[in-house]
Amino acid sequence: MQLSTKERRQPEYGKQYRLMGGKNEPSIRNGNTWAESEVKKESHFIDVTPAGYGPA
């Protein structure tokens, strides 16, 4: 399966993505794209962004 340019995009700063999810949840681990794995609604999460990362 070949992915389009849009689907190959890297994650965007400031957005939250589900890396691991349940059987029916879109996540990177389940083979979904970054766009499909984006967390759209408020959810419980742990911010793992290292200090100093992101826009200056």
N, C-alpha and C. Protein backbone atom coordinates (compact mmCIF):
# COMPACT_ATOMS: atom_id res chain seq x y z
N MET A 1 0.84 -1.18 0.00
CA MET A 1 0.00 0.00 0.00
C MET A 1 0.88 1.24 0.00
N GLN A 2 0.67 2.12 -0.94
CA GLN A 2 1.46 3.34 -1.03
C GLN A 2 0.66 4.53 -0.48
N LEU A 3 1.29 5.32 0.38
CA LEU A 3 0.61 6.44 1.00
C LEU A 3 0.81 7.71 0.19
N SER A 4 -0.21 8.55 0.19
CA SER A 4 -0.09 9.84 -0.50
C SER A 4 0.82 10.76 0.32
N THR A 5 1.24 11.86 -0.27
CA THR A 5 2.09 12.82 0.42
C THR A 5 1.43 13.31 1.70
N LYS A 6 0.14 13.57 1.66
CA LYS A 6 -0.59 14.06 2.83
C LYS A 6 -0.55 13.03 3.96
N GLU A 7 -0.69 11.76 3.63
CA GLU A 7 -0.72 10.71 4.65
C GLU A 7 0.67 10.46 5.24
N ARG A 8 1.73 10.79 4.53
CA ARG A 8 3.09 10.58 5.00
C ARG A 8 3.58 11.70 5.90
N ARG A 9 2.81 12.76 6.03
CA ARG A 9 3.23 13.92 6.81
C ARG A 9 3.62 13.52 8.22
N GLN A 10 4.52 14.29 8.78
CA GLN A 10 4.94 14.09 10.16
C GLN A 10 3.92 14.74 11.09
N PRO A 11 3.96 14.40 12.35
CA PRO A 11 3.04 15.04 13.29
C PRO A 11 3.33 16.54 13.37
N GLU A 12 2.29 17.31 13.65
CA GLU A 12 2.43 18.76 13.74
C GLU A 12 2.55 19.19 15.19
N TYR A 13 3.40 20.17 15.45
CA TYR A 13 3.60 20.69 16.79
C TYR A 13 2.29 21.24 17.34
N GLY A 14 2.01 20.95 18.59
CA GLY A 14 0.82 21.48 19.25
C GLY A 14 -0.41 20.60 19.13
N LYS A 15 -0.34 19.56 18.32
CA LYS A 15 -1.47 18.64 18.18
C LYS A 15 -1.18 17.38 18.98
N GLN A 16 -2.23 16.71 19.38
CA GLN A 16 -2.08 15.47 20.14
C GLN A 16 -2.48 14.29 19.26
N TYR A 17 -1.69 13.23 19.39
CA TYR A 17 -1.92 12.03 18.59
C TYR A 17 -1.99 10.81 19.49
N ARG A 18 -2.81 9.87 19.12
CA ARG A 18 -2.91 8.61 19.86
C ARG A 18 -1.87 7.66 19.29
N LEU A 19 -0.89 7.31 20.11
CA LEU A 19 0.15 6.38 19.67
C LEU A 19 -0.29 4.94 19.82
N MET A 20 -1.01 4.65 20.91
CA MET A 20 -1.53 3.30 21.14
C MET A 20 -3.00 3.43 21.48
N GLY A 21 -3.81 2.56 20.91
CA GLY A 21 -5.23 2.61 21.19
C GLY A 21 -5.82 1.22 21.23
N GLY A 22 -7.10 1.18 21.53
CA GLY A 22 -7.82 -0.09 21.55
C GLY A 22 -7.97 -0.65 20.14
N LYS A 23 -8.57 -1.79 20.06
CA LYS A 23 -8.72 -2.50 18.78
C LYS A 23 -9.43 -1.66 17.72
N ASN A 24 -10.43 -0.89 18.10
CA ASN A 24 -11.20 -0.11 17.13
C ASN A 24 -10.90 1.38 17.16
N GLU A 25 -9.80 1.77 17.82
CA GLU A 25 -9.42 3.18 17.88
C GLU A 25 -8.28 3.45 16.91
N PRO A 26 -8.37 4.56 16.15
CA PRO A 26 -7.26 4.89 15.26
C PRO A 26 -6.04 5.28 16.09
N SER A 27 -4.89 4.69 15.77
CA SER A 27 -3.64 5.01 16.45
C SER A 27 -2.48 4.66 15.54
N ILE A 28 -1.33 5.23 15.84
CA ILE A 28 -0.13 4.94 15.05
C ILE A 28 0.21 3.46 15.14
N ARG A 29 0.13 2.90 16.32
CA ARG A 29 0.44 1.48 16.51
C ARG A 29 -0.48 0.57 15.71
N ASN A 30 -1.74 0.99 15.53
CA ASN A 30 -2.68 0.18 14.76
C ASN A 30 -2.55 0.38 13.25
N GLY A 31 -1.57 1.20 12.83
CA GLY A 31 -1.32 1.36 11.40
C GLY A 31 -2.02 2.55 10.77
N ASN A 32 -2.64 3.40 11.57
CA ASN A 32 -3.31 4.58 11.03
C ASN A 32 -2.30 5.69 10.77
N THR A 33 -2.70 6.67 9.98
CA THR A 33 -1.84 7.81 9.68
C THR A 33 -1.84 8.78 10.85
N TRP A 34 -0.93 9.76 10.81
CA TRP A 34 -0.90 10.80 11.84
C TRP A 34 -2.23 11.54 11.84
N ALA A 35 -2.75 11.87 10.67
CA ALA A 35 -4.01 12.61 10.57
C ALA A 35 -5.16 11.80 11.18
N GLU A 36 -5.21 10.51 10.90
CA GLU A 36 -6.27 9.66 11.43
C GLU A 36 -6.14 9.47 12.95
N SER A 37 -4.91 9.55 13.46
CA SER A 37 -4.65 9.31 14.87
C SER A 37 -4.71 10.57 15.72
N GLU A 38 -5.01 11.70 15.10
CA GLU A 38 -5.09 12.95 15.85
C GLU A 38 -6.24 12.88 16.85
N VAL A 39 -5.97 13.31 18.08
CA VAL A 39 -6.99 13.33 19.12
C VAL A 39 -7.79 14.60 18.93
N LYS A 40 -9.05 14.45 18.54
CA LYS A 40 -9.90 15.59 18.22
C LYS A 40 -10.67 16.11 19.43
N LYS A 41 -11.03 15.23 20.33
CA LYS A 41 -11.82 15.65 21.50
C LYS A 41 -10.93 15.67 22.73
N GLU A 42 -11.42 16.35 23.76
CA GLU A 42 -10.66 16.40 25.01
C GLU A 42 -10.54 15.00 25.57
N SER A 43 -9.37 14.66 26.00
CA SER A 43 -9.10 13.31 26.45
C SER A 43 -8.03 13.36 27.54
N HIS A 44 -7.93 12.31 28.31
CA HIS A 44 -6.86 12.23 29.30
C HIS A 44 -5.58 11.84 28.57
N PHE A 45 -4.53 12.59 28.81
CA PHE A 45 -3.27 12.30 28.15
C PHE A 45 -2.11 12.73 29.04
N ILE A 46 -0.93 12.25 28.70
CA ILE A 46 0.29 12.65 29.38
C ILE A 46 1.14 13.37 28.34
N ASP A 47 1.55 14.59 28.66
CA ASP A 47 2.39 15.37 27.75
C ASP A 47 3.82 14.88 27.89
N VAL A 48 4.37 14.32 26.83
CA VAL A 48 5.72 13.80 26.86
C VAL A 48 6.69 14.67 26.04
N THR A 49 6.27 15.90 25.75
CA THR A 49 7.12 16.81 25.00
C THR A 49 8.27 17.26 25.89
N PRO A 50 9.52 17.04 25.47
CA PRO A 50 10.66 17.47 26.29
C PRO A 50 10.67 19.00 26.43
N ALA A 51 11.10 19.47 27.60
CA ALA A 51 11.20 20.90 27.83
C ALA A 51 12.13 21.53 26.80
N GLY A 52 11.77 22.67 26.31
CA GLY A 52 12.60 23.36 25.33
C GLY A 52 12.26 23.03 23.88
N TYR A 53 11.37 22.08 23.67
CA TYR A 53 10.96 21.74 22.31
C TYR A 53 9.84 22.66 21.86
N GLY A 54 9.73 22.85 20.58
CA GLY A 54 8.63 23.67 20.05
C GLY A 54 9.12 25.02 19.58
N PRO A 55 8.18 25.86 19.17
CA PRO A 55 8.55 27.16 18.64
C PRO A 55 9.21 28.03 19.71
N ALA A 56 10.12 28.85 19.27
CA ALA A 56 10.84 29.74 20.21
C ALA A 56 9.98 30.91 20.61
